Protein backbone atom coordinates (compact mmCIF):
# COMPACT_ATOMS: atom_id res chain seq x y z
CA MET A 1 28.34 128.79 83.82
CA ASN A 2 30.04 127.64 86.95
CA ARG A 3 30.01 129.53 90.23
CA LEU A 4 33.65 130.64 90.10
CA GLU A 5 33.26 131.99 86.54
CA ALA A 6 30.17 133.85 87.65
CA THR A 7 31.89 135.28 90.73
CA ARG A 8 34.88 136.39 88.65
CA ALA A 9 32.56 137.99 86.09
CA LEU A 10 30.96 140.09 88.83
CA SER A 11 34.08 140.94 90.83
CA LYS A 12 34.81 144.18 88.93
CA TRP A 13 31.13 145.15 89.14
CA PHE A 14 31.32 144.93 92.94
CA GLY A 15 33.53 148.02 93.01
CA ASP A 16 33.65 149.26 96.62
CA ASP A 17 30.37 147.54 97.55
CA ALA A 18 30.10 145.45 100.66
CA VAL A 19 29.90 141.77 99.71
CA ILE A 20 28.62 139.20 102.19
CA ALA A 21 29.46 135.62 101.20
CA SER A 22 27.62 132.62 102.54
CA LEU A 23 29.72 129.93 104.15
CA GLY A 24 31.39 127.30 102.00
CA HIS A 25 31.71 127.57 98.27
CA PRO A 26 30.34 131.13 97.81
CA ALA A 27 33.03 132.32 100.25
CA TYR A 28 35.76 130.18 98.66
CA ASP A 29 34.94 131.45 95.18
CA LEU A 30 34.78 135.10 96.29
CA PHE A 31 38.15 134.73 98.01
CA THR A 32 39.65 133.11 94.89
CA ALA A 33 38.12 135.74 92.57
CA GLY A 34 39.65 138.58 94.57
CA ASP A 35 40.04 138.96 98.30
CA ARG A 36 39.50 142.48 99.63
CA ASP A 37 38.61 144.11 102.92
CA ALA A 38 35.00 144.81 101.85
CA ASN A 39 34.34 141.05 101.51
CA PHE A 40 32.73 139.49 104.57
CA TYR A 41 33.10 135.71 104.68
CA THR A 42 30.69 133.93 106.99
CA TRP A 43 31.59 130.76 108.88
CA GLY A 44 29.29 128.46 110.82
CA SER A 45 26.23 130.45 109.83
CA MET A 46 24.41 128.45 107.15
CA GLY A 47 21.30 130.31 106.10
CA LEU A 48 22.26 133.66 107.60
CA ALA A 49 24.10 135.52 104.81
CA SER A 50 20.84 137.08 103.56
CA SER A 51 19.98 138.24 107.10
CA ILE A 52 23.46 139.66 107.68
CA GLY A 53 23.25 141.48 104.35
CA LEU A 54 19.80 142.82 105.19
CA GLY A 55 21.04 144.15 108.53
CA LEU A 56 23.99 145.89 106.90
CA ALA A 57 21.78 147.33 104.13
CA MET A 58 19.45 148.77 106.77
CA ALA A 59 22.34 150.13 108.87
CA GLN A 60 24.08 151.74 105.88
CA PRO A 61 21.35 152.74 103.41
CA ASP A 62 23.77 154.77 101.26
CA ARG A 63 26.00 151.75 100.59
CA ARG A 64 25.10 148.97 98.16
CA VAL A 65 25.24 145.58 99.84
CA ILE A 66 25.61 142.42 97.79
CA VAL A 67 24.98 138.98 99.24
CA LEU A 68 26.38 135.87 97.56
CA ASP A 69 24.30 132.99 98.89
CA GLY A 70 23.74 129.37 97.99
CA ASP A 71 20.40 127.76 97.25
CA GLY A 72 20.74 125.40 100.21
CA SER A 73 21.57 128.23 102.58
CA LEU A 74 18.69 130.39 101.42
CA LEU A 75 16.31 127.45 101.69
CA MET A 76 17.29 127.19 105.37
CA ASN A 77 16.14 130.77 105.95
CA LEU A 78 13.34 131.62 103.53
CA GLY A 79 12.02 133.94 106.22
CA SER A 80 14.73 136.40 105.24
CA LEU A 81 12.95 136.86 101.90
CA ALA A 82 9.77 137.80 103.75
CA THR A 83 11.63 140.43 105.77
CA ILE A 84 13.45 141.75 102.69
CA GLY A 85 10.10 142.01 100.90
CA TRP A 86 8.58 143.84 103.86
CA VAL A 87 11.47 146.24 104.53
CA GLN A 88 12.30 146.86 100.83
CA PRO A 89 15.95 147.94 101.24
CA LYS A 90 16.75 149.70 97.98
CA ASN A 91 20.48 149.04 98.36
CA LEU A 92 20.34 145.23 98.77
CA VAL A 93 21.24 142.74 96.03
CA LEU A 94 20.88 139.04 96.84
CA ILE A 95 22.59 136.75 94.34
CA VAL A 96 21.83 133.08 94.86
CA TRP A 97 24.16 130.51 93.31
CA ASP A 98 21.67 127.73 92.58
CA ASN A 99 23.45 124.48 91.74
CA ALA A 100 20.61 122.38 93.22
CA LEU A 101 23.08 120.87 95.69
CA TYR A 102 24.23 121.20 99.27
CA GLY A 103 27.79 121.41 97.97
CA THR A 104 29.54 122.04 101.26
CA THR A 105 27.93 119.13 103.09
CA GLY A 106 28.43 116.41 100.48
CA GLY A 107 26.46 117.14 97.34
CA GLN A 108 22.96 116.18 98.43
CA ASP A 109 20.08 117.54 96.33
CA THR A 110 18.37 120.72 97.49
CA ALA A 111 14.69 121.32 96.93
CA THR A 112 15.52 123.30 93.78
CA ALA A 113 16.61 120.02 92.18
CA HIS A 114 13.01 118.88 92.61
CA GLY A 115 11.06 121.93 91.47
CA ALA A 116 11.35 124.53 94.24
CA ASP A 117 11.54 127.97 92.62
CA LEU A 118 13.45 130.55 94.64
CA ALA A 119 12.60 133.37 92.21
CA ALA A 120 8.88 132.66 92.62
CA ALA A 121 9.37 132.55 96.41
CA ALA A 122 11.07 135.97 96.34
CA GLU A 123 8.24 137.42 94.25
CA ALA A 124 5.63 135.88 96.56
CA MET A 125 7.37 137.63 99.48
CA GLY A 126 6.98 141.05 97.85
CA ILE A 127 10.35 141.43 96.13
CA ARG A 128 9.61 142.95 92.72
CA ALA A 129 13.07 143.02 91.15
CA VAL A 130 13.75 139.33 90.54
CA ALA A 131 15.67 137.60 87.77
CA THR A 132 16.72 134.05 86.99
CA VAL A 133 19.85 133.74 84.87
CA ARG A 134 21.54 130.76 83.25
CA SER A 135 24.57 132.24 81.48
CA LEU A 136 27.33 134.77 82.06
CA ASP A 137 25.72 137.10 79.51
CA GLU A 138 22.40 136.95 81.36
CA LEU A 139 24.17 137.49 84.69
CA THR A 140 26.05 140.58 83.53
CA ALA A 141 22.84 141.92 81.94
CA ALA A 142 21.03 141.46 85.27
CA ALA A 143 23.88 143.29 87.04
CA ALA A 144 23.49 146.17 84.58
CA ARG A 145 19.75 146.31 85.39
CA VAL A 146 20.62 146.48 89.11
CA ASP A 147 22.72 149.57 88.39
CA GLY A 148 19.69 151.27 86.84
CA ALA A 149 16.93 150.45 89.32
CA PRO A 150 16.50 150.41 93.08
CA GLY A 151 16.22 147.11 94.91
CA PRO A 152 15.86 144.99 96.69
CA TRP A 153 17.07 142.65 93.97
CA VAL A 154 17.12 138.87 93.98
CA ILE A 155 19.07 137.19 91.18
CA ILE A 156 18.87 133.42 91.01
CA ALA A 157 21.92 132.26 89.05
CA LYS A 158 21.73 128.67 87.85
CA VAL A 159 25.31 127.44 88.13
CA SER A 160 27.29 124.25 87.93
CA GLU A 161 29.96 123.06 90.30
CA ASN A 162 33.55 124.07 89.67
CA SER A 163 36.96 122.89 90.72
CA PRO A 164 37.95 123.40 94.36
CA THR A 165 38.96 126.94 95.17
CA SER A 166 41.03 128.54 97.92
CA LYS A 167 39.60 129.21 101.35
CA PRO A 168 39.85 132.52 103.15
CA THR A 169 41.16 132.69 106.66
CA LEU A 170 39.09 131.07 109.38
CA ASP A 171 40.06 133.94 111.71
CA TYR A 172 36.58 135.43 112.05
CA VAL A 173 37.83 138.24 114.29
CA LEU A 174 40.26 139.37 111.58
CA ILE A 175 37.50 139.12 108.95
CA LYS A 176 35.19 141.23 111.12
CA GLN A 177 37.84 143.85 111.94
CA ARG A 178 38.99 144.43 108.38
CA PHE A 179 35.39 144.48 107.11
CA MET A 180 34.33 147.02 109.74
CA LYS A 181 37.30 149.21 108.78
CA ALA A 182 36.26 149.00 105.11
CA MET A 183 32.72 150.02 106.14
CA GLY A 184 34.04 153.07 107.99
CA GLN A 185 33.41 151.66 111.46
């Protein structure tokens, strides 16, 4: 499965949930799959989508928060997994698009191309609800399991690259304002 197919497959499942998208391709694919006010696109913040999502999940415990991250971004901030494992936010779902590449910076290998296992890292940090998926069927089945059990969840989705997608606005103030309105702030 490629990342855009996977994002499109989940877009209806998101419902009214807050979705935080890591910079670069996760944000581009989310925008292409269906822009909406409850999508928060990050810019210039590689490695921080999981931390932003964690903060929102803690601030709004009655709202499900979904983070779409990349393997390279998460590798830059593995400490977020330790905090997620410690805090145990039941409303947080971290989906990691693992293509084993730093796609936004030129296609260099990430550590997952050489054996690093993000699912094992999440489990080692105390996150009990962890899945690795390799197909759209497995991804939608994992999403269905999320609906039936509290988190935090970490889903490592092994994906391939896809064709270039559209980019959301770079107006971070507009992104913030519309997202805050969608969150009732």
